[in-house]
Amino acid sequence: MANIYTISDLAQEFDLTTRAIRFYEDMGLLEPERSGPGGRNRVYSARDRTRLKLTLRAKRLGLSLTEAKDLIDMYDSPRDTVPQLKKFLVVLAEHRQQLESQLADLQATMDEVKTHEKETRSLLAKATKASSS
């Protein structure tokens, strides 16, 4: 029998709450089977585990869950990976551009902080010198 996982298994393995996993399920990223009385128990397959792993990787890259789902869903399509790879390159380029813009903003802010620090040190030195005279 293929590997099967409970929601608790996946939560522990990936250091997530069961609520987060249910949210990913609601977003269509995971599709567990149901078992037990009234289908109350979720049974996750190796495919679900892989999809969760890819979702978390996409999240670390800064992709939205919708973007992650679109890319992951492509892996379930026929084995022609050219469209997947092209789409992934587009998404990565967009995110790189966004990160570069954020980095430039952060650098500008850091430069501004350094300027204020320098001015404040100068004012403090003058004030200290004046009060000791």
Protein backbone atom coordinates (compact mmCIF):
# COMPACT_ATOMS: atom_id res chain seq x y z
CA MET A 1 0.00 0.00 0.00
CA ALA A 2 1.22 3.50 -0.80
CA ASN A 3 2.33 5.80 1.98
CA ILE A 4 -0.57 7.43 3.76
CA TYR A 5 -0.46 10.25 6.27
CA THR A 6 -2.82 11.73 8.80
CA ILE A 7 -3.23 15.46 9.17
CA SER A 8 -1.22 15.20 12.40
CA ASP A 9 1.61 13.38 10.62
CA LEU A 10 1.93 16.17 8.06
CA ALA A 11 1.53 18.91 10.66
CA GLN A 12 4.36 17.44 12.71
CA GLU A 13 6.63 16.75 9.74
CA PHE A 14 6.29 20.26 8.29
CA ASP A 15 5.90 22.12 11.59
CA LEU A 16 2.44 23.41 10.67
CA THR A 17 -0.84 23.60 12.48
CA THR A 18 -3.62 21.27 11.40
CA ARG A 19 -5.62 24.42 10.73
CA ALA A 20 -3.02 25.57 8.17
CA ILE A 21 -3.21 22.20 6.43
CA ARG A 22 -7.02 22.41 6.32
CA PHE A 23 -6.65 25.92 4.85
CA TYR A 24 -4.39 24.56 2.09
CA GLU A 25 -7.03 21.91 1.50
CA ASP A 26 -9.74 24.60 1.24
CA MET A 27 -7.55 26.42 -1.31
CA GLY A 28 -7.47 23.24 -3.42
CA LEU A 29 -3.79 22.55 -2.87
CA LEU A 30 -4.44 19.24 -1.10
CA GLU A 31 -7.13 16.67 -1.80
CA PRO A 32 -7.13 14.03 0.95
CA GLU A 33 -9.33 10.97 0.88
CA ARG A 34 -11.87 10.64 3.67
CA SER A 35 -12.29 7.64 5.93
CA GLY A 36 -13.99 6.65 9.14
CA PRO A 37 -17.54 7.38 10.26
CA GLY A 38 -19.05 10.04 8.02
CA GLY A 39 -15.69 10.61 6.32
CA ARG A 40 -14.40 12.56 9.31
CA ASN A 41 -10.79 11.42 9.02
CA ARG A 42 -8.52 12.88 6.37
CA VAL A 43 -6.10 10.46 4.73
CA TYR A 44 -3.30 12.16 2.81
CA SER A 45 -1.39 10.40 0.05
CA ALA A 46 2.25 10.71 -0.96
CA ARG A 47 0.97 13.05 -3.70
CA ASP A 48 -0.63 15.31 -1.07
CA ARG A 49 2.60 15.28 0.93
CA THR A 50 4.58 16.31 -2.15
CA ARG A 51 2.05 19.04 -2.98
CA LEU A 52 2.32 20.36 0.58
CA LYS A 53 6.11 20.36 0.34
CA LEU A 54 5.96 22.25 -2.98
CA THR A 55 3.40 24.69 -1.54
CA LEU A 56 5.70 25.52 1.36
CA ARG A 57 8.65 25.91 -1.01
CA ALA A 58 6.62 28.27 -3.22
CA LYS A 59 5.58 30.23 -0.15
CA ARG A 60 9.24 30.64 0.87
CA LEU A 61 9.93 31.97 -2.64
CA GLY A 62 7.24 34.59 -2.06
CA LEU A 63 4.62 33.15 -4.37
CA SER A 64 0.96 33.58 -3.53
CA LEU A 65 -1.01 30.42 -2.82
CA THR A 66 -2.87 30.93 -6.10
CA GLU A 67 0.42 31.09 -8.02
CA ALA A 68 1.67 28.06 -6.13
CA LYS A 69 -1.50 26.13 -6.96
CA ASP A 70 -1.28 27.05 -10.64
CA LEU A 71 2.31 25.83 -10.85
CA ILE A 72 1.72 22.68 -8.80
CA ASP A 73 -1.39 21.83 -10.80
CA MET A 74 0.72 21.91 -13.96
CA TYR A 75 2.71 18.99 -12.59
CA ASP A 76 -0.48 16.93 -12.59
CA SER A 77 -1.01 17.61 -16.27
CA PRO A 78 0.57 15.54 -19.05
CA ARG A 79 4.31 15.09 -18.75
CA ASP A 80 5.18 17.90 -21.19
CA THR A 81 7.16 20.08 -18.81
CA VAL A 82 7.92 22.87 -21.29
CA PRO A 83 4.81 24.92 -20.38
CA GLN A 84 5.49 24.37 -16.68
CA LEU A 85 9.07 25.51 -16.97
CA LYS A 86 8.17 28.57 -19.05
CA LYS A 87 5.44 29.56 -16.58
CA PHE A 88 7.80 29.03 -13.65
CA LEU A 89 10.45 31.23 -15.29
CA VAL A 90 7.89 34.01 -15.76
CA VAL A 91 6.76 33.77 -12.14
CA LEU A 92 10.34 33.70 -10.87
CA ALA A 93 11.29 36.71 -13.01
CA GLU A 94 8.33 38.67 -11.64
CA HIS A 95 9.28 37.81 -8.08
CA ARG A 96 12.94 38.59 -8.66
CA GLN A 97 11.94 42.01 -9.99
CA GLN A 98 9.70 42.57 -6.97
CA LEU A 99 12.46 41.52 -4.57
CA GLU A 100 15.01 43.75 -6.33
CA SER A 101 12.62 46.68 -5.96
CA GLN A 102 12.13 45.91 -2.27
CA LEU A 103 15.89 45.58 -1.85
CA ALA A 104 16.41 49.01 -3.46
CA ASP A 105 13.79 50.48 -1.12
CA LEU A 106 15.49 48.87 1.86
CA GLN A 107 18.88 50.18 0.76
CA ALA A 108 17.47 53.70 0.44
CA THR A 109 15.98 53.41 3.92
CA MET A 110 19.28 52.11 5.31
CA ASP A 111 21.13 55.04 3.72
CA GLU A 112 18.63 57.43 5.29
CA VAL A 113 19.05 55.81 8.71
CA LYS A 114 22.85 56.06 8.42
CA THR A 115 22.55 59.76 7.54
CA HIS A 116 20.32 60.40 10.56
CA GLU A 117 22.68 58.45 12.81
CA LYS A 118 25.64 60.50 11.59
CA GLU A 119 23.77 63.80 12.09
CA THR A 120 22.59 62.73 15.54
CA ARG A 121 26.11 61.71 16.61
CA SER A 122 27.40 65.07 15.41
CA LEU A 123 24.68 66.96 17.32
CA LEU A 124 25.32 64.85 20.41
CA ALA A 125 29.05 65.53 20.21
CA LYS A 126 28.40 69.28 19.91
CA ALA A 127 25.90 69.22 22.78
CA THR A 128 28.27 67.19 24.98
CA LYS A 129 31.15 69.56 24.16
CA ALA A 130 29.02 72.65 24.87
CA SER A 131 27.74 71.32 28.21
CA SER A 132 31.25 70.45 29.42
CA SER A 133 32.61 73.90 28.59
